[in-house]
N, C-alpha and C. Protein backbone atom coordinates (compact mmCIF):
# COMPACT_ATOMS: atom_id res chain seq x y z
N UNK A 1 0.82 -1.19 0.00
CA UNK A 1 0.00 0.00 0.00
C UNK A 1 0.86 1.25 0.00
N UNK A 2 2.01 1.19 0.66
CA UNK A 2 2.91 2.34 0.68
C UNK A 2 3.43 2.65 -0.72
N UNK A 3 3.61 1.62 -1.53
CA UNK A 3 4.10 1.84 -2.90
C UNK A 3 3.08 2.64 -3.71
N UNK A 4 1.80 2.33 -3.53
CA UNK A 4 0.77 3.08 -4.25
C UNK A 4 0.71 4.53 -3.79
N UNK A 5 0.88 4.75 -2.51
CA UNK A 5 0.88 6.12 -1.99
C UNK A 5 2.06 6.89 -2.57
N UNK A 6 3.23 6.25 -2.61
CA UNK A 6 4.41 6.90 -3.20
C UNK A 6 4.21 7.15 -4.69
N UNK A 7 3.55 6.21 -5.36
CA UNK A 7 3.34 6.35 -6.80
C UNK A 7 2.50 7.58 -7.13
N UNK A 8 1.48 7.85 -6.32
CA UNK A 8 0.57 8.96 -6.63
C UNK A 8 0.91 10.26 -5.92
N UNK A 9 1.85 10.25 -4.99
CA UNK A 9 2.13 11.48 -4.24
C UNK A 9 3.53 12.02 -4.45
N UNK A 10 4.51 11.18 -4.72
CA UNK A 10 5.88 11.68 -4.86
C UNK A 10 6.14 12.12 -6.30
N UNK A 11 7.14 12.98 -6.45
CA UNK A 11 7.50 13.48 -7.78
C UNK A 11 7.94 12.34 -8.69
N UNK A 12 8.78 11.45 -8.19
CA UNK A 12 9.28 10.36 -9.02
C UNK A 12 8.16 9.39 -9.39
N UNK A 13 7.20 9.20 -8.50
CA UNK A 13 6.07 8.33 -8.81
C UNK A 13 5.19 8.94 -9.89
N UNK A 14 4.91 10.24 -9.77
CA UNK A 14 4.09 10.91 -10.78
C UNK A 14 4.81 10.96 -12.12
N UNK A 15 6.13 11.16 -12.08
CA UNK A 15 6.91 11.15 -13.31
C UNK A 15 6.86 9.76 -13.97
N UNK A 16 6.92 8.72 -13.17
CA UNK A 16 6.81 7.36 -13.69
C UNK A 16 5.45 7.13 -14.34
N UNK A 17 4.39 7.60 -13.70
CA UNK A 17 3.05 7.48 -14.30
C UNK A 17 2.96 8.24 -15.61
N UNK A 18 3.55 9.43 -15.64
CA UNK A 18 3.53 10.23 -16.87
C UNK A 18 4.27 9.51 -17.99
N UNK A 19 5.39 8.90 -17.68
CA UNK A 19 6.15 8.18 -18.70
C UNK A 19 5.39 6.96 -19.19
N UNK A 20 4.77 6.23 -18.30
CA UNK A 20 3.98 5.06 -18.69
C UNK A 20 2.81 5.48 -19.57
N UNK A 21 2.13 6.57 -19.21
CA UNK A 21 1.02 7.07 -20.02
C UNK A 21 1.51 7.51 -21.39
N UNK A 22 2.65 8.20 -21.44
CA UNK A 22 3.20 8.66 -22.71
C UNK A 22 3.56 7.48 -23.61
N UNK A 23 4.17 6.46 -23.06
CA UNK A 23 4.55 5.28 -23.84
C UNK A 23 3.31 4.57 -24.37
N UNK A 24 2.26 4.48 -23.57
CA UNK A 24 1.02 3.86 -24.03
C UNK A 24 0.39 4.65 -25.17
N UNK A 25 0.37 5.97 -25.04
CA UNK A 25 -0.17 6.81 -26.11
C UNK A 25 0.68 6.71 -27.38
N UNK A 26 1.99 6.66 -27.21
CA UNK A 26 2.88 6.55 -28.36
C UNK A 26 2.67 5.20 -29.06
N UNK A 27 2.51 4.14 -28.29
CA UNK A 27 2.27 2.82 -28.87
C UNK A 27 0.95 2.81 -29.64
N UNK A 28 -0.08 3.43 -29.08
CA UNK A 28 -1.37 3.51 -29.77
C UNK A 28 -1.22 4.27 -31.08
N UNK A 29 -0.49 5.38 -31.05
CA UNK A 29 -0.28 6.17 -32.25
C UNK A 29 0.42 5.36 -33.34
N UNK A 30 1.50 4.65 -32.97
CA UNK A 30 2.25 3.90 -33.96
C UNK A 30 1.47 2.69 -34.50
N UNK A 31 0.67 2.07 -33.65
CA UNK A 31 -0.16 0.95 -34.11
C UNK A 31 -1.19 1.45 -35.12
N UNK A 32 -1.85 2.56 -34.80
CA UNK A 32 -2.84 3.14 -35.73
C UNK A 32 -2.17 3.56 -37.03
N UNK A 33 -0.97 4.14 -36.93
CA UNK A 33 -0.23 4.56 -38.12
C UNK A 33 0.11 3.35 -39.00
N UNK A 34 0.54 2.26 -38.36
CA UNK A 34 0.89 1.06 -39.12
C UNK A 34 -0.34 0.48 -39.81
N UNK A 35 -1.48 0.42 -39.12
CA UNK A 35 -2.70 -0.09 -39.75
C UNK A 35 -3.14 0.80 -40.91
N UNK A 36 -3.00 2.10 -40.75
CA UNK A 36 -3.37 3.04 -41.81
C UNK A 36 -2.48 2.83 -43.04
N UNK A 37 -1.18 2.67 -42.82
CA UNK A 37 -0.24 2.45 -43.93
C UNK A 37 -0.52 1.11 -44.60
N UNK A 38 -0.86 0.09 -43.82
CA UNK A 38 -1.17 -1.22 -44.42
C UNK A 38 -2.42 -1.13 -45.29
N UNK A 39 -3.43 -0.39 -44.83
CA UNK A 39 -4.65 -0.23 -45.61
C UNK A 39 -4.37 0.55 -46.90
N UNK A 40 -3.54 1.60 -46.81
CA UNK A 40 -3.19 2.37 -48.00
C UNK A 40 -2.43 1.50 -49.00
N UNK A 41 -1.49 0.71 -48.50
CA UNK A 41 -0.70 -0.14 -49.38
C UNK A 41 -1.58 -1.21 -50.02
N UNK A 42 -2.50 -1.77 -49.25
CA UNK A 42 -3.42 -2.77 -49.78
C UNK A 42 -4.29 -2.16 -50.88
N UNK A 43 -4.73 -0.94 -50.66
CA UNK A 43 -5.54 -0.24 -51.66
C UNK A 43 -4.73 0.00 -52.94
N UNK A 44 -3.47 0.43 -52.78
CA UNK A 44 -2.61 0.67 -53.95
C UNK A 44 -2.33 -0.62 -54.70
N UNK A 45 -2.08 -1.70 -53.98
CA UNK A 45 -1.81 -2.99 -54.62
C UNK A 45 -3.05 -3.46 -55.38
N UNK A 46 -4.22 -3.26 -54.78
CA UNK A 46 -5.46 -3.63 -55.45
C UNK A 46 -5.67 -2.83 -56.71
N UNK A 47 -5.34 -1.54 -56.69
CA UNK A 47 -5.49 -0.69 -57.87
C UNK A 47 -4.52 -1.12 -58.96
N UNK A 48 -3.30 -1.47 -58.57
CA UNK A 48 -2.30 -1.91 -59.55
C UNK A 48 -2.73 -3.23 -60.17
N UNK A 49 -3.23 -4.16 -59.35
CA UNK A 49 -3.70 -5.45 -59.89
C UNK A 49 -4.86 -5.23 -60.84
N UNK A 50 -5.76 -4.32 -60.51
CA UNK A 50 -6.91 -4.05 -61.35
C UNK A 50 -6.46 -3.48 -62.70
N UNK A 51 -5.52 -2.56 -62.68
CA UNK A 51 -4.99 -1.99 -63.93
C UNK A 51 -4.26 -3.06 -64.71
N UNK A 52 -3.49 -3.89 -64.01
CA UNK A 52 -2.72 -4.95 -64.67
C UNK A 52 -3.66 -5.97 -65.32
N UNK A 53 -4.72 -6.33 -64.64
CA UNK A 53 -5.69 -7.29 -65.21
C UNK A 53 -6.40 -6.66 -66.39
N UNK A 54 -6.70 -5.39 -66.32
CA UNK A 54 -7.35 -4.71 -67.42
C UNK A 54 -6.48 -4.67 -68.65
N UNK A 55 -5.17 -4.52 -68.47
CA UNK A 55 -4.24 -4.50 -69.60
C UNK A 55 -4.17 -5.87 -70.27
N UNK A 56 -4.26 -6.94 -69.48
CA UNK A 56 -4.25 -8.29 -70.06
C UNK A 56 -5.53 -8.59 -70.81
N UNK A 57 -6.62 -8.04 -70.37
CA UNK A 57 -7.89 -8.30 -71.03
C UNK A 57 -7.98 -7.60 -72.38
N UNK A 58 -7.34 -6.45 -72.52
CA UNK A 58 -7.39 -5.70 -73.77
C UNK A 58 -6.36 -6.21 -74.77
N UNK A 59 -5.39 -6.98 -74.32
CA UNK A 59 -4.33 -7.42 -75.23
C UNK A 59 -4.74 -8.61 -76.06
């Protein structure tokens, strides 16, 4: 119980909480960024395949 009191009342405890919160937010940001990039790449690959298939059909 003393550890929790130190965590929420001392400067070093609050700084530790701030760092943990920052790391969690940063991880969320990078995960969302990675999913967004994967979706964009998947969309581009699909467009390239569609154009490529269309070129074969006209040939």
